[in-house]
Each structure stands twice: as structure tokens, then as C-alpha cells.
Amino acid sequence: MCSAAQRNGANFSTQSILGYAIASDEPSPVLPDVPTIGEMGYPGINASTWNMVFTPANTSMPIVNKLNQAINEVLQEPETIERLKSLAINLSTESTVDESSAFLESEIQRWADIARTTGIKPNS
């Protein structure tokens, strides 16, 4: 089974299920004893999950920036960090709107390349 750690965090902590590998370039701080697939000899496999907040396309930049700042502030609060950690959610570093946009574009391109290379097509 391949599953996001945050969906099974409690199961990992009680050891009712075991993790064999992390599908990310970086080790998981919430599952420090589980190696990455790269560490197991298969580099370049990165299928980690992430979350991002979106706004309608016509939202003014001052509002987008204010929302981004507020979210980054909340994500730095010790209570938020501990709660997310208890859910096996890794926090990335604080990011700007431009950094988030660049990350999203890189993910779209990466997965489009994978779909094209492997011949994956959406179900109709």
C-alpha cells in the first residue's frame, strides 16, 4: 500500500502498520526511522503530498499577500506546529506567493512530463 503519512499517522505511532520507504527526496521528520526510496537505491522518486491555499484568479495582490502573510504567521505558532506534527504533516519553510506559484508550476510540469513519458492518459 502506498499512502500519505498524514492519513495514517496514528497507525504509525502505534506501530499497527509499518512504513518501509518515504516517497520523497527528503527524510520525514515525523517518521525518522523510515528511509527514503532514494536511500534504498532508487533515487529521483518523489511523490510527496503537499497543500496549498488558492484564491480566485481576479483576487487583488494586496489581499493575496495579506492572506499569505497571515497563513505563514499561523504556521509558525508552536501550537500549530505541534498539531500538524501530531498528524504526521511536515511543514515546509515559509514561502512567498511567488515561491508558491513557482513550486506549483514545477509540479504541473513534472507530472505532465511523467504522464507523457509513461503514456498515462486520464480515464474518459
PDB file of N, CA and C in Angstrom:
ATOM      1  N   MET A   1       0.843  -1.163   0.000  1.00  0.00           N
ATOM      2  CA  MET A   1       0.000   0.000   0.000  1.00  0.00           C
ATOM      3  C   MET A   1       0.891   1.230   0.000  1.00  0.00           C
ATOM      4  N   CYS A   2       0.518   2.205  -0.747  1.00  0.00           N
ATOM      5  CA  CYS A   2       1.205   3.490  -0.740  1.00  0.00           C
ATOM      6  C   CYS A   2       0.214   4.515  -0.213  1.00  0.00           C
ATOM      7  N   SER A   3       0.586   5.196   0.862  1.00  0.00           N
ATOM      8  CA  SER A   3      -0.343   6.119   1.499  1.00  0.00           C
ATOM      9  C   SER A   3       0.412   7.306   2.059  1.00  0.00           C
ATOM     10  N   ALA A   4      -0.257   8.436   2.102  1.00  0.00           N
ATOM     11  CA  ALA A   4       0.327   9.628   2.713  1.00  0.00           C
ATOM     12  C   ALA A   4       0.438   9.406   4.218  1.00  0.00           C
ATOM     13  N   ALA A   5       1.552   9.801   4.776  1.00  0.00           N
ATOM     14  CA  ALA A   5       1.784   9.586   6.211  1.00  0.00           C
ATOM     15  C   ALA A   5       0.694  10.224   7.057  1.00  0.00           C
ATOM     16  N   GLN A   6       0.205  11.408   6.642  1.00  0.00           N
ATOM     17  CA  GLN A   6      -0.795  12.082   7.460  1.00  0.00           C
ATOM     18  C   GLN A   6      -2.116  11.319   7.533  1.00  0.00           C
ATOM     19  N   ARG A   7      -2.373  10.447   6.577  1.00  0.00           N
ATOM     20  CA  ARG A   7      -3.604   9.648   6.634  1.00  0.00           C
ATOM     21  C   ARG A   7      -3.472   8.512   7.629  1.00  0.00           C
ATOM     22  N   ASN A   8      -2.256   8.153   7.984  1.00  0.00           N
ATOM     23  CA  ASN A   8      -2.034   7.002   8.855  1.00  0.00           C
ATOM     24  C   ASN A   8      -1.122   7.306  10.027  1.00  0.00           C
ATOM     25  N   GLY A   9      -0.992   8.574  10.386  1.00  0.00           N
ATOM     26  CA  GLY A   9      -0.069   8.964  11.448  1.00  0.00           C
ATOM     27  C   GLY A   9      -0.265   8.196  12.742  1.00  0.00           C
ATOM     28  N   ALA A  10      -1.519   8.049  13.173  1.00  0.00           N
ATOM     29  CA  ALA A  10      -1.782   7.328  14.418  1.00  0.00           C
ATOM     30  C   ALA A  10      -1.379   5.867  14.294  1.00  0.00           C
ATOM     31  N   ASN A  11      -1.600   5.288  13.133  1.00  0.00           N
ATOM     32  CA  ASN A  11      -1.222   3.888  12.930  1.00  0.00           C
ATOM     33  C   ASN A  11       0.290   3.701  12.965  1.00  0.00           C
ATOM     34  N   PHE A  12       1.031   4.684  12.455  1.00  0.00           N
ATOM     35  CA  PHE A  12       2.489   4.601  12.522  1.00  0.00           C
ATOM     36  C   PHE A  12       2.958   4.714  13.965  1.00  0.00           C
ATOM     37  N   SER A  13       2.348   5.641  14.719  1.00  0.00           N
ATOM     38  CA  SER A  13       2.805   5.852  16.093  1.00  0.00           C
ATOM     39  C   SER A  13       2.492   4.654  16.989  1.00  0.00           C
ATOM     40  N   THR A  14       1.413   3.927  16.702  1.00  0.00           N
ATOM     41  CA  THR A  14       1.098   2.734  17.499  1.00  0.00           C
ATOM     42  C   THR A  14       1.717   1.480  16.903  1.00  0.00           C
ATOM     43  N   GLN A  15       2.367   1.634  15.760  1.00  0.00           N
ATOM     44  CA  GLN A  15       3.019   0.544  15.031  1.00  0.00           C
ATOM     45  C   GLN A  15       2.039  -0.542  14.589  1.00  0.00           C
ATOM     46  N   SER A  16       0.762  -0.137  14.376  1.00  0.00           N
ATOM     47  CA  SER A  16      -0.185  -1.106  13.825  1.00  0.00           C
ATOM     48  C   SER A  16       0.049  -1.288  12.331  1.00  0.00           C
ATOM     49  N   ILE A  17       0.730  -0.333  11.711  1.00  0.00           N
ATOM     50  CA  ILE A  17       1.258  -0.508  10.360  1.00  0.00           C
ATOM     51  C   ILE A  17       2.693   0.004  10.363  1.00  0.00           C
ATOM     52  N   LEU A  18       3.501  -0.511   9.464  1.00  0.00           N
ATOM     53  CA  LEU A  18       4.903  -0.116   9.384  1.00  0.00           C
ATOM     54  C   LEU A  18       5.176   0.571   8.057  1.00  0.00           C
ATOM     55  N   GLY A  19       5.999   1.595   8.098  1.00  0.00           N
ATOM     56  CA  GLY A  19       6.427   2.252   6.875  1.00  0.00           C
ATOM     57  C   GLY A  19       7.725   1.628   6.395  1.00  0.00           C
ATOM     58  N   TYR A  20       7.821   1.371   5.099  1.00  0.00           N
ATOM     59  CA  TYR A  20       9.037   0.780   4.543  1.00  0.00           C
ATOM     60  C   TYR A  20       9.886   1.789   3.792  1.00  0.00           C
ATOM     61  N   ALA A  21       9.254   2.826   3.236  1.00  0.00           N
ATOM     62  CA  ALA A  21      10.007   3.828   2.490  1.00  0.00           C
ATOM     63  C   ALA A  21       9.194   5.106   2.387  1.00  0.00           C
ATOM     64  N   ILE A  22       9.912   6.221   2.288  1.00  0.00           N
ATOM     65  CA  ILE A  22       9.310   7.533   2.081  1.00  0.00           C
ATOM     66  C   ILE A  22       9.496   7.895   0.616  1.00  0.00           C
ATOM     67  N   ALA A  23       8.406   8.229  -0.069  1.00  0.00           N
ATOM     68  CA  ALA A  23       8.474   8.587  -1.498  1.00  0.00           C
ATOM     69  C   ALA A  23       8.723  10.084  -1.633  1.00  0.00           C
ATOM     70  N   SER A  24       9.861  10.508  -1.114  1.00  0.00           N
ATOM     71  CA  SER A  24      10.244  11.912  -1.125  1.00  0.00           C
ATOM     72  C   SER A  24      11.759  11.999  -1.194  1.00  0.00           C
ATOM     73  N   ASP A  25      12.254  13.131  -1.662  1.00  0.00           N
ATOM     74  CA  ASP A  25      13.701  13.338  -1.687  1.00  0.00           C
ATOM     75  C   ASP A  25      14.267  13.521  -0.282  1.00  0.00           C
ATOM     76  N   GLU A  26      13.425  13.993   0.629  1.00  0.00           N
ATOM     77  CA  GLU A  26      13.866  14.303   1.986  1.00  0.00           C
ATOM     78  C   GLU A  26      13.294  13.298   2.979  1.00  0.00           C
ATOM     79  N   PRO A  27      14.077  12.917   3.988  1.00  0.00           N
ATOM     80  CA  PRO A  27      13.533  12.061   5.045  1.00  0.00           C
ATOM     81  C   PRO A  27      12.382  12.770   5.760  1.00  0.00           C
ATOM     82  N   SER A  28      11.500  11.998   6.338  1.00  0.00           N
ATOM     83  CA  SER A  28      10.368  12.567   7.061  1.00  0.00           C
ATOM     84  C   SER A  28      10.745  12.815   8.513  1.00  0.00           C
ATOM     85  N   PRO A  29      10.585  14.056   8.999  1.00  0.00           N
ATOM     86  CA  PRO A  29      10.877  14.304  10.410  1.00  0.00           C
ATOM     87  C   PRO A  29       9.891  13.597  11.345  1.00  0.00           C
ATOM     88  N   VAL A  30       8.713  13.243  10.835  1.00  0.00           N
ATOM     89  CA  VAL A  30       7.743  12.547  11.678  1.00  0.00           C
ATOM     90  C   VAL A  30       7.910  11.034  11.622  1.00  0.00           C
ATOM     91  N   LEU A  31       8.665  10.546  10.642  1.00  0.00           N
ATOM     92  CA  LEU A  31       8.981   9.115  10.535  1.00  0.00           C
ATOM     93  C   LEU A  31      10.487   8.976  10.307  1.00  0.00           C
ATOM     94  N   PRO A  32      11.299   9.391  11.292  1.00  0.00           N
ATOM     95  CA  PRO A  32      12.747   9.476  11.084  1.00  0.00           C
ATOM     96  C   PRO A  32      13.442   8.140  10.827  1.00  0.00           C
ATOM     97  N   ASP A  33      12.836   7.037  11.237  1.00  0.00           N
ATOM     98  CA  ASP A  33      13.473   5.735  11.042  1.00  0.00           C
ATOM     99  C   ASP A  33      13.113   5.078   9.712  1.00  0.00           C
ATOM    100  N   VAL A  34      12.264   5.738   8.930  1.00  0.00           N
ATOM    101  CA  VAL A  34      11.852   5.180   7.638  1.00  0.00           C
ATOM    102  C   VAL A  34      12.709   5.822   6.547  1.00  0.00           C
ATOM    103  N   PRO A  35      13.463   5.026   5.786  1.00  0.00           N
ATOM    104  CA  PRO A  35      14.347   5.594   4.759  1.00  0.00           C
ATOM    105  C   PRO A  35      13.565   6.108   3.549  1.00  0.00           C
ATOM    106  N   THR A  36      14.191   7.007   2.813  1.00  0.00           N
ATOM    107  CA  THR A  36      13.596   7.436   1.548  1.00  0.00           C
ATOM    108  C   THR A  36      13.848   6.351   0.504  1.00  0.00           C
ATOM    109  N   ILE A  37      13.057   6.372  -0.555  1.00  0.00           N
ATOM    110  CA  ILE A  37      13.266   5.406  -1.634  1.00  0.00           C
ATOM    111  C   ILE A  37      14.653   5.612  -2.246  1.00  0.00           C
ATOM    112  N   GLY A  38      15.109   6.878  -2.316  1.00  0.00           N
ATOM    113  CA  GLY A  38      16.453   7.165  -2.821  1.00  0.00           C
ATOM    114  C   GLY A  38      17.530   6.519  -1.975  1.00  0.00           C
ATOM    115  N   GLU A  39      17.355   6.553  -0.658  1.00  0.00           N
ATOM    116  CA  GLU A  39      18.325   5.923   0.241  1.00  0.00           C
ATOM    117  C   GLU A  39      18.347   4.406   0.069  1.00  0.00           C
ATOM    118  N   MET A  40      17.276   3.860  -0.479  1.00  0.00           N
ATOM    119  CA  MET A  40      17.193   2.416  -0.711  1.00  0.00           C
ATOM    120  C   MET A  40      17.731   2.033  -2.088  1.00  0.00           C
ATOM    121  N   GLY A  41      18.251   3.029  -2.827  1.00  0.00           N
ATOM    122  CA  GLY A  41      18.866   2.737  -4.117  1.00  0.00           C
ATOM    123  C   GLY A  41      18.051   3.121  -5.336  1.00  0.00           C
ATOM    124  N   TYR A  42      16.959   3.839  -5.130  1.00  0.00           N
ATOM    125  CA  TYR A  42      16.116   4.264  -6.248  1.00  0.00           C
ATOM    126  C   TYR A  42      15.951   5.782  -6.213  1.00  0.00           C
ATOM    127  N   PRO A  43      16.986   6.523  -6.585  1.00  0.00           N
ATOM    128  CA  PRO A  43      16.925   7.984  -6.500  1.00  0.00           C
ATOM    129  C   PRO A  43      15.936   8.586  -7.500  1.00  0.00           C
ATOM    130  N   GLY A  44      15.477   9.787  -7.171  1.00  0.00           N
ATOM    131  CA  GLY A  44      14.624  10.540  -8.091  1.00  0.00           C
ATOM    132  C   GLY A  44      13.144  10.257  -7.966  1.00  0.00           C
ATOM    133  N   ILE A  45      12.756   9.372  -7.052  1.00  0.00           N
ATOM    134  CA  ILE A  45      11.327   9.106  -6.868  1.00  0.00           C
ATOM    135  C   ILE A  45      10.818  10.043  -5.785  1.00  0.00           C
ATOM    136  N   ASN A  46       9.969  10.957  -6.172  1.00  0.00           N
ATOM    137  CA  ASN A  46       9.427  11.938  -5.240  1.00  0.00           C
ATOM    138  C   ASN A  46       7.945  12.103  -5.533  1.00  0.00           C
ATOM    139  N   ALA A  47       7.131  11.507  -4.697  1.00  0.00           N
ATOM    140  CA  ALA A  47       5.683  11.619  -4.854  1.00  0.00           C
ATOM    141  C   ALA A  47       5.066  12.089  -3.545  1.00  0.00           C
ATOM    142  N   SER A  48       5.701  13.075  -2.932  1.00  0.00           N
ATOM    143  CA  SER A  48       5.203  13.569  -1.659  1.00  0.00           C
ATOM    144  C   SER A  48       3.943  14.407  -1.870  1.00  0.00           C
ATOM    145  N   THR A  49       3.140  14.460  -0.826  1.00  0.00           N
ATOM    146  CA  THR A  49       1.921  15.264  -0.884  1.00  0.00           C
ATOM    147  C   THR A  49       2.209  16.664  -0.372  1.00  0.00           C
ATOM    148  N   TRP A  50       1.393  17.603  -0.787  1.00  0.00           N
ATOM    149  CA  TRP A  50       1.543  18.973  -0.320  1.00  0.00           C
ATOM    150  C   TRP A  50       0.172  19.636  -0.346  1.00  0.00           C
ATOM    151  N   ASN A  51       0.060  20.729   0.373  1.00  0.00           N
ATOM    152  CA  ASN A  51      -1.173  21.509   0.418  1.00  0.00           C
ATOM    153  C   ASN A  51      -0.847  22.947   0.070  1.00  0.00           C
ATOM    154  N   MET A  52      -1.793  23.607  -0.559  1.00  0.00           N
ATOM    155  CA  MET A  52      -1.604  24.998  -0.936  1.00  0.00           C
ATOM    156  C   MET A  52      -2.966  25.688  -0.888  1.00  0.00           C
ATOM    157  N   VAL A  53      -2.977  26.941  -0.508  1.00  0.00           N
ATOM    158  CA  VAL A  53      -4.212  27.724  -0.497  1.00  0.00           C
ATOM    159  C   VAL A  53      -4.291  28.510  -1.795  1.00  0.00           C
ATOM    160  N   PHE A  54      -5.441  28.446  -2.441  1.00  0.00           N
ATOM    161  CA  PHE A  54      -5.659  29.161  -3.703  1.00  0.00           C
ATOM    162  C   PHE A  54      -6.729  30.225  -3.513  1.00  0.00           C
ATOM    163  N   THR A  55      -6.677  31.238  -4.352  1.00  0.00           N
ATOM    164  CA  THR A  55      -7.707  32.274  -4.384  1.00  0.00           C
ATOM    165  C   THR A  55      -8.232  32.374  -5.810  1.00  0.00           C
ATOM    166  N   PRO A  56      -9.400  32.978  -5.993  1.00  0.00           N
ATOM    167  CA  PRO A  56      -9.858  33.213  -7.364  1.00  0.00           C
ATOM    168  C   PRO A  56      -8.824  34.041  -8.134  1.00  0.00           C
ATOM    169  N   ALA A  57      -8.739  33.811  -9.431  1.00  0.00           N
ATOM    170  CA  ALA A  57      -7.716  34.456 -10.266  1.00  0.00           C
ATOM    171  C   ALA A  57      -7.762  35.975 -10.206  1.00  0.00           C
ATOM    172  N   ASN A  58      -8.916  36.553  -9.988  1.00  0.00           N
ATOM    173  CA  ASN A  58      -9.027  38.016 -10.005  1.00  0.00           C
ATOM    174  C   ASN A  58      -8.850  38.659  -8.627  1.00  0.00           C
ATOM    175  N   THR A  59      -8.385  37.901  -7.640  1.00  0.00           N
ATOM    176  CA  THR A  59      -8.151  38.461  -6.307  1.00  0.00           C
ATOM    177  C   THR A  59      -6.972  39.426  -6.372  1.00  0.00           C
ATOM    178  N   SER A  60      -7.132  40.594  -5.761  1.00  0.00           N
ATOM    179  CA  SER A  60      -6.063  41.604  -5.819  1.00  0.00           C
ATOM    180  C   SER A  60      -4.834  41.128  -5.048  1.00  0.00           C
ATOM    181  N   MET A  61      -3.660  41.526  -5.526  1.00  0.00           N
ATOM    182  CA  MET A  61      -2.406  41.102  -4.897  1.00  0.00           C
ATOM    183  C   MET A  61      -2.284  41.556  -3.448  1.00  0.00           C
ATOM    184  N   PRO A  62      -2.747  42.752  -3.062  1.00  0.00           N
ATOM    185  CA  PRO A  62      -2.670  43.093  -1.637  1.00  0.00           C
ATOM    186  C   PRO A  62      -3.431  42.089  -0.752  1.00  0.00           C
ATOM    187  N   ILE A  63      -4.567  41.620  -1.224  1.00  0.00           N
ATOM    188  CA  ILE A  63      -5.331  40.631  -0.454  1.00  0.00           C
ATOM    189  C   ILE A  63      -4.601  39.290  -0.444  1.00  0.00           C
ATOM    190  N   VAL A  64      -4.082  38.872  -1.582  1.00  0.00           N
ATOM    191  CA  VAL A  64      -3.329  37.610  -1.664  1.00  0.00           C
ATOM    192  C   VAL A  64      -2.120  37.661  -0.733  1.00  0.00           C
ATOM    193  N   ASN A  65      -1.380  38.761  -0.760  1.00  0.00           N
ATOM    194  CA  ASN A  65      -0.194  38.893   0.096  1.00  0.00           C
ATOM    195  C   ASN A  65      -0.556  38.919   1.576  1.00  0.00           C
ATOM    196  N   LYS A  66      -1.664  39.579   1.910  1.00  0.00           N
ATOM    197  CA  LYS A  66      -2.104  39.625   3.304  1.00  0.00           C
ATOM    198  C   LYS A  66      -2.506  38.226   3.779  1.00  0.00           C
ATOM    199  N   LEU A  67      -3.212  37.495   2.945  1.00  0.00           N
ATOM    200  CA  LEU A  67      -3.594  36.124   3.271  1.00  0.00           C
ATOM    201  C   LEU A  67      -2.353  35.248   3.439  1.00  0.00           C
ATOM    202  N   ASN A  68      -1.395  35.380   2.532  1.00  0.00           N
ATOM    203  CA  ASN A  68      -0.154  34.609   2.613  1.00  0.00           C
ATOM    204  C   ASN A  68       0.591  34.913   3.913  1.00  0.00           C
ATOM    205  N   GLN A  69       0.674  36.175   4.263  1.00  0.00           N
ATOM    206  CA  GLN A  69       1.359  36.568   5.494  1.00  0.00           C
ATOM    207  C   GLN A  69       0.657  35.971   6.714  1.00  0.00           C
ATOM    208  N   ALA A  70      -0.669  36.041   6.740  1.00  0.00           N
ATOM    209  CA  ALA A  70      -1.423  35.509   7.878  1.00  0.00           C
ATOM    210  C   ALA A  70      -1.240  33.996   8.001  1.00  0.00           C
ATOM    211  N   ILE A  71      -1.278  33.304   6.881  1.00  0.00           N
ATOM    212  CA  ILE A  71      -1.091  31.845   6.905  1.00  0.00           C
ATOM    213  C   ILE A  71       0.309  31.506   7.402  1.00  0.00           C
ATOM    214  N   ASN A  72       1.325  32.214   6.907  1.00  0.00           N
ATOM    215  CA  ASN A  72       2.696  31.958   7.360  1.00  0.00           C
ATOM    216  C   ASN A  72       2.854  32.221   8.850  1.00  0.00           C
ATOM    217  N   GLU A  73       2.169  33.251   9.363  1.00  0.00           N
ATOM    218  CA  GLU A  73       2.238  33.539  10.797  1.00  0.00           C
ATOM    219  C   GLU A  73       1.628  32.402  11.611  1.00  0.00           C
ATOM    220  N   VAL A  74       0.470  31.916  11.180  1.00  0.00           N
ATOM    221  CA  VAL A  74      -0.184  30.815  11.893  1.00  0.00           C
ATOM    222  C   VAL A  74       0.681  29.556  11.846  1.00  0.00           C
ATOM    223  N   LEU A  75       1.321  29.311  10.710  1.00  0.00           N
ATOM    224  CA  LEU A  75       2.158  28.113  10.573  1.00  0.00           C
ATOM    225  C   LEU A  75       3.424  28.169  11.421  1.00  0.00           C
ATOM    226  N   GLN A  76       3.755  29.339  11.962  1.00  0.00           N
ATOM    227  CA  GLN A  76       4.924  29.470  12.834  1.00  0.00           C
ATOM    228  C   GLN A  76       4.567  29.333  14.315  1.00  0.00           C
ATOM    229  N   GLU A  77       3.266  29.300  14.624  1.00  0.00           N
ATOM    230  CA  GLU A  77       2.839  29.200  16.020  1.00  0.00           C
ATOM    231  C   GLU A  77       3.148  27.800  16.560  1.00  0.00           C
ATOM    232  N   PRO A  78       3.723  27.723  17.765  1.00  0.00           N
ATOM    233  CA  PRO A  78       4.075  26.417  18.337  1.00  0.00           C
ATOM    234  C   PRO A  78       2.896  25.439  18.390  1.00  0.00           C
ATOM    235  N   GLU A  79       1.694  25.946  18.699  1.00  0.00           N
ATOM    236  CA  GLU A  79       0.523  25.064  18.771  1.00  0.00           C
ATOM    237  C   GLU A  79       0.201  24.469  17.400  1.00  0.00           C
ATOM    238  N   THR A  80       0.329  25.289  16.365  1.00  0.00           N
ATOM    239  CA  THR A  80       0.063  24.812  15.006  1.00  0.00           C
ATOM    240  C   THR A  80       1.102  23.780  14.604  1.00  0.00           C
ATOM    241  N   ILE A  81       2.360  24.078  14.879  1.00  0.00           N
ATOM    242  CA  ILE A  81       3.448  23.158  14.534  1.00  0.00           C
ATOM    243  C   ILE A  81       3.234  21.810  15.208  1.00  0.00           C
ATOM    244  N   GLU A  82       2.918  21.828  16.501  1.00  0.00           N
ATOM    245  CA  GLU A  82       2.717  20.573  17.236  1.00  0.00           C
ATOM    246  C   GLU A  82       1.502  19.808  16.732  1.00  0.00           C
ATOM    247  N   ARG A  83       0.419  20.517  16.442  1.00  0.00           N
ATOM    248  CA  ARG A  83      -0.793  19.847  15.945  1.00  0.00           C
ATOM    249  C   ARG A  83      -0.527  19.193  14.594  1.00  0.00           C
ATOM    250  N   LEU A  84       0.105  19.915  13.691  1.00  0.00           N
ATOM    251  CA  LEU A  84       0.395  19.346  12.377  1.00  0.00           C
ATOM    252  C   LEU A  84       1.368  18.176  12.495  1.00  0.00           C
ATOM    253  N   LYS A  85       2.345  18.311  13.374  1.00  0.00           N
ATOM    254  CA  LYS A  85       3.296  17.214  13.587  1.00  0.00           C
ATOM    255  C   LYS A  85       2.576  15.970  14.110  1.00  0.00           C
ATOM    256  N   SER A  86       1.591  16.162  15.000  1.00  0.00           N
ATOM    257  CA  SER A  86       0.835  15.019  15.532  1.00  0.00           C
ATOM    258  C   SER A  86       0.020  14.327  14.447  1.00  0.00           C
ATOM    259  N   LEU A  87      -0.263  15.047  13.363  1.00  0.00           N
ATOM    260  CA  LEU A  87      -0.991  14.490  12.220  1.00  0.00           C
ATOM    261  C   LEU A  87      -0.038  13.979  11.142  1.00  0.00           C
ATOM    262  N   ALA A  88       1.253  13.945  11.450  1.00  0.00           N
ATOM    263  CA  ALA A  88       2.297  13.495  10.517  1.00  0.00           C
ATOM    264  C   ALA A  88       2.392  14.397   9.298  1.00  0.00           C
ATOM    265  N   ILE A  89       2.142  15.684   9.500  1.00  0.00           N
ATOM    266  CA  ILE A  89       2.244  16.654   8.407  1.00  0.00           C
ATOM    267  C   ILE A  89       3.543  17.427   8.570  1.00  0.00           C
ATOM    268  N   ASN A  90       4.408  17.345   7.559  1.00  0.00           N
ATOM    269  CA  ASN A  90       5.673  18.076   7.569  1.00  0.00           C
ATOM    270  C   ASN A  90       5.419  19.494   7.098  1.00  0.00           C
ATOM    271  N   LEU A  91       5.956  20.447   7.793  1.00  0.00           N
ATOM    272  CA  LEU A  91       5.844  21.837   7.368  1.00  0.00           C
ATOM    273  C   LEU A  91       7.054  22.214   6.540  1.00  0.00           C
ATOM    274  N   SER A  92       6.798  22.806   5.406  1.00  0.00           N
ATOM    275  CA  SER A  92       7.910  23.343   4.626  1.00  0.00           C
ATOM    276  C   SER A  92       8.251  24.709   5.202  1.00  0.00           C
ATOM    277  N   THR A  93       9.266  25.304   4.665  1.00  0.00           N
ATOM    278  CA  THR A  93       9.629  26.626   5.144  1.00  0.00           C
ATOM    279  C   THR A  93       8.595  27.636   4.681  1.00  0.00           C
ATOM    280  N   GLU A  94       8.569  28.748   5.357  1.00  0.00           N
ATOM    281  CA  GLU A  94       7.673  29.842   4.982  1.00  0.00           C
ATOM    282  C   GLU A  94       7.910  30.198   3.521  1.00  0.00           C
ATOM    283  N   SER A  95       6.847  30.474   2.800  1.00  0.00           N
ATOM    284  CA  SER A  95       7.033  30.794   1.387  1.00  0.00           C
ATOM    285  C   SER A  95       6.244  32.023   0.977  1.00  0.00           C
ATOM    286  N   THR A  96       6.746  32.664  -0.051  1.00  0.00           N
ATOM    287  CA  THR A  96       6.069  33.825  -0.614  1.00  0.00           C
ATOM    288  C   THR A  96       5.076  33.355  -1.669  1.00  0.00           C
ATOM    289  N   VAL A  97       4.245  34.276  -2.124  1.00  0.00           N
ATOM    290  CA  VAL A  97       3.297  33.964  -3.192  1.00  0.00           C
ATOM    291  C   VAL A  97       4.059  33.539  -4.443  1.00  0.00           C
ATOM    292  N   ASP A  98       5.129  34.249  -4.782  1.00  0.00           N
ATOM    293  CA  ASP A  98       5.915  33.904  -5.974  1.00  0.00           C
ATOM    294  C   ASP A  98       6.561  32.528  -5.848  1.00  0.00           C
ATOM    295  N   GLU A  99       7.091  32.203  -4.670  1.00  0.00           N
ATOM    296  CA  GLU A  99       7.697  30.882  -4.461  1.00  0.00           C
ATOM    297  C   GLU A  99       6.653  29.777  -4.589  1.00  0.00           C
ATOM    298  N   SER A 100       5.474  30.016  -4.033  1.00  0.00           N
ATOM    299  CA  SER A 100       4.401  29.023  -4.138  1.00  0.00           C
ATOM    300  C   SER A 100       3.961  28.839  -5.582  1.00  0.00           C
ATOM    301  N   SER A 101       3.843  29.936  -6.316  1.00  0.00           N
ATOM    302  CA  SER A 101       3.456  29.857  -7.731  1.00  0.00           C
ATOM    303  C   SER A 101       4.494  29.093  -8.537  1.00  0.00           C
ATOM    304  N   ALA A 102       5.768  29.360  -8.275  1.00  0.00           N
ATOM    305  CA  ALA A 102       6.841  28.659  -8.991  1.00  0.00           C
ATOM    306  C   ALA A 102       6.824  27.169  -8.656  1.00  0.00           C
ATOM    307  N   PHE A 103       6.585  26.840  -7.391  1.00  0.00           N
ATOM    308  CA  PHE A 103       6.507  25.439  -6.990  1.00  0.00           C
ATOM    309  C   PHE A 103       5.354  24.741  -7.705  1.00  0.00           C
ATOM    310  N   LEU A 104       4.189  25.387  -7.740  1.00  0.00           N
ATOM    311  CA  LEU A 104       3.028  24.801  -8.407  1.00  0.00           C
ATOM    312  C   LEU A 104       3.318  24.555  -9.882  1.00  0.00           C
ATOM    313  N   GLU A 105       3.906  25.528 -10.546  1.00  0.00           N
ATOM    314  CA  GLU A 105       4.245  25.365 -11.969  1.00  0.00           C
ATOM    315  C   GLU A 105       5.231  24.216 -12.175  1.00  0.00           C
ATOM    316  N   SER A 106       6.201  24.090 -11.273  1.00  0.00           N
ATOM    317  CA  SER A 106       7.174  22.999 -11.415  1.00  0.00           C
ATOM    318  C   SER A 106       6.505  21.639 -11.210  1.00  0.00           C
ATOM    319  N   GLU A 107       5.554  21.548 -10.297  1.00  0.00           N
ATOM    320  CA  GLU A 107       4.830  20.293 -10.077  1.00  0.00           C
ATOM    321  C   GLU A 107       3.962  19.943 -11.286  1.00  0.00           C
ATOM    322  N   ILE A 108       3.291  20.934 -11.852  1.00  0.00           N
ATOM    323  CA  ILE A 108       2.476  20.694 -13.050  1.00  0.00           C
ATOM    324  C   ILE A 108       3.358  20.164 -14.172  1.00  0.00           C
ATOM    325  N   GLN A 109       4.502  20.800 -14.374  1.00  0.00           N
ATOM    326  CA  GLN A 109       5.414  20.379 -15.440  1.00  0.00           C
ATOM    327  C   GLN A 109       5.980  18.987 -15.174  1.00  0.00           C
ATOM    328  N   ARG A 110       6.382  18.737 -13.942  1.00  0.00           N
ATOM    329  CA  ARG A 110       6.968  17.441 -13.581  1.00  0.00           C
ATOM    330  C   ARG A 110       5.985  16.307 -13.831  1.00  0.00           C
ATOM    331  N   TRP A 111       4.750  16.468 -13.356  1.00  0.00           N
ATOM    332  CA  TRP A 111       3.765  15.396 -13.531  1.00  0.00           C
ATOM    333  C   TRP A 111       3.290  15.284 -14.973  1.00  0.00           C
ATOM    334  N   ALA A 112       3.254  16.393 -15.700  1.00  0.00           N
ATOM    335  CA  ALA A 112       2.924  16.323 -17.135  1.00  0.00           C
ATOM    336  C   ALA A 112       4.000  15.535 -17.872  1.00  0.00           C
ATOM    337  N   ASP A 113       5.264  15.780 -17.528  1.00  0.00           N
ATOM    338  CA  ASP A 113       6.371  15.038 -18.149  1.00  0.00           C
ATOM    339  C   ASP A 113       6.276  13.544 -17.831  1.00  0.00           C
ATOM    340  N   ILE A 114       5.964  13.220 -16.580  1.00  0.00           N
ATOM    341  CA  ILE A 114       5.828  11.814 -16.187  1.00  0.00           C
ATOM    342  C   ILE A 114       4.681  11.162 -16.951  1.00  0.00           C
ATOM    343  N   ALA A 115       3.551  11.845 -17.047  1.00  0.00           N
ATOM    344  CA  ALA A 115       2.400  11.290 -17.780  1.00  0.00           C
ATOM    345  C   ALA A 115       2.743  11.083 -19.249  1.00  0.00           C
ATOM    346  N   ARG A 116       3.421  12.050 -19.836  1.00  0.00           N
ATOM    347  CA  ARG A 116       3.796  11.964 -21.251  1.00  0.00           C
ATOM    348  C   ARG A 116       4.797  10.821 -21.477  1.00  0.00           C
ATOM    349  N   THR A 117       5.804  10.738 -20.641  1.00  0.00           N
ATOM    350  CA  THR A 117       6.849   9.723 -20.783  1.00  0.00           C
ATOM    351  C   THR A 117       6.306   8.306 -20.607  1.00  0.00           C
ATOM    352  N   THR A 118       5.399   8.149 -19.659  1.00  0.00           N
ATOM    353  CA  THR A 118       4.876   6.811 -19.361  1.00  0.00           C
ATOM    354  C   THR A 118       3.636   6.455 -20.171  1.00  0.00           C
ATOM    355  N   GLY A 119       3.078   7.439 -20.866  1.00  0.00           N
ATOM    356  CA  GLY A 119       1.876   7.185 -21.655  1.00  0.00           C
ATOM    357  C   GLY A 119       0.594   7.166 -20.839  1.00  0.00           C
ATOM    358  N   ILE A 120       0.657   7.687 -19.619  1.00  0.00           N
ATOM    359  CA  ILE A 120      -0.543   7.729 -18.779  1.00  0.00           C
ATOM    360  C   ILE A 120      -1.554   8.686 -19.405  1.00  0.00           C
ATOM    361  N   LYS A 121      -2.803   8.240 -19.469  1.00  0.00           N
ATOM    362  CA  LYS A 121      -3.880   9.068 -20.017  1.00  0.00           C
ATOM    363  C   LYS A 121      -5.030   9.086 -19.009  1.00  0.00           C
ATOM    364  N   PRO A 122      -5.756  10.205 -18.925  1.00  0.00           N
ATOM    365  CA  PRO A 122      -6.899  10.247 -17.997  1.00  0.00           C
ATOM    366  C   PRO A 122      -8.004   9.295 -18.457  1.00  0.00           C
ATOM    367  N   ASN A 123      -8.741   8.779 -17.493  1.00  0.00           N
ATOM    368  CA  ASN A 123      -9.900   7.951 -17.839  1.00  0.00           C
ATOM    369  C   ASN A 123     -10.961   8.831 -18.473  1.00  0.00           C
ATOM    370  N   SER A 124     -11.671   8.286 -19.451  1.00  0.00           N
ATOM    371  CA  SER A 124     -12.728   9.088 -20.073  1.00  0.00           C
ATOM    372  C   SER A 124     -14.085   8.680 -19.564  1.00  0.00           C
TER     373      SER A 124
END
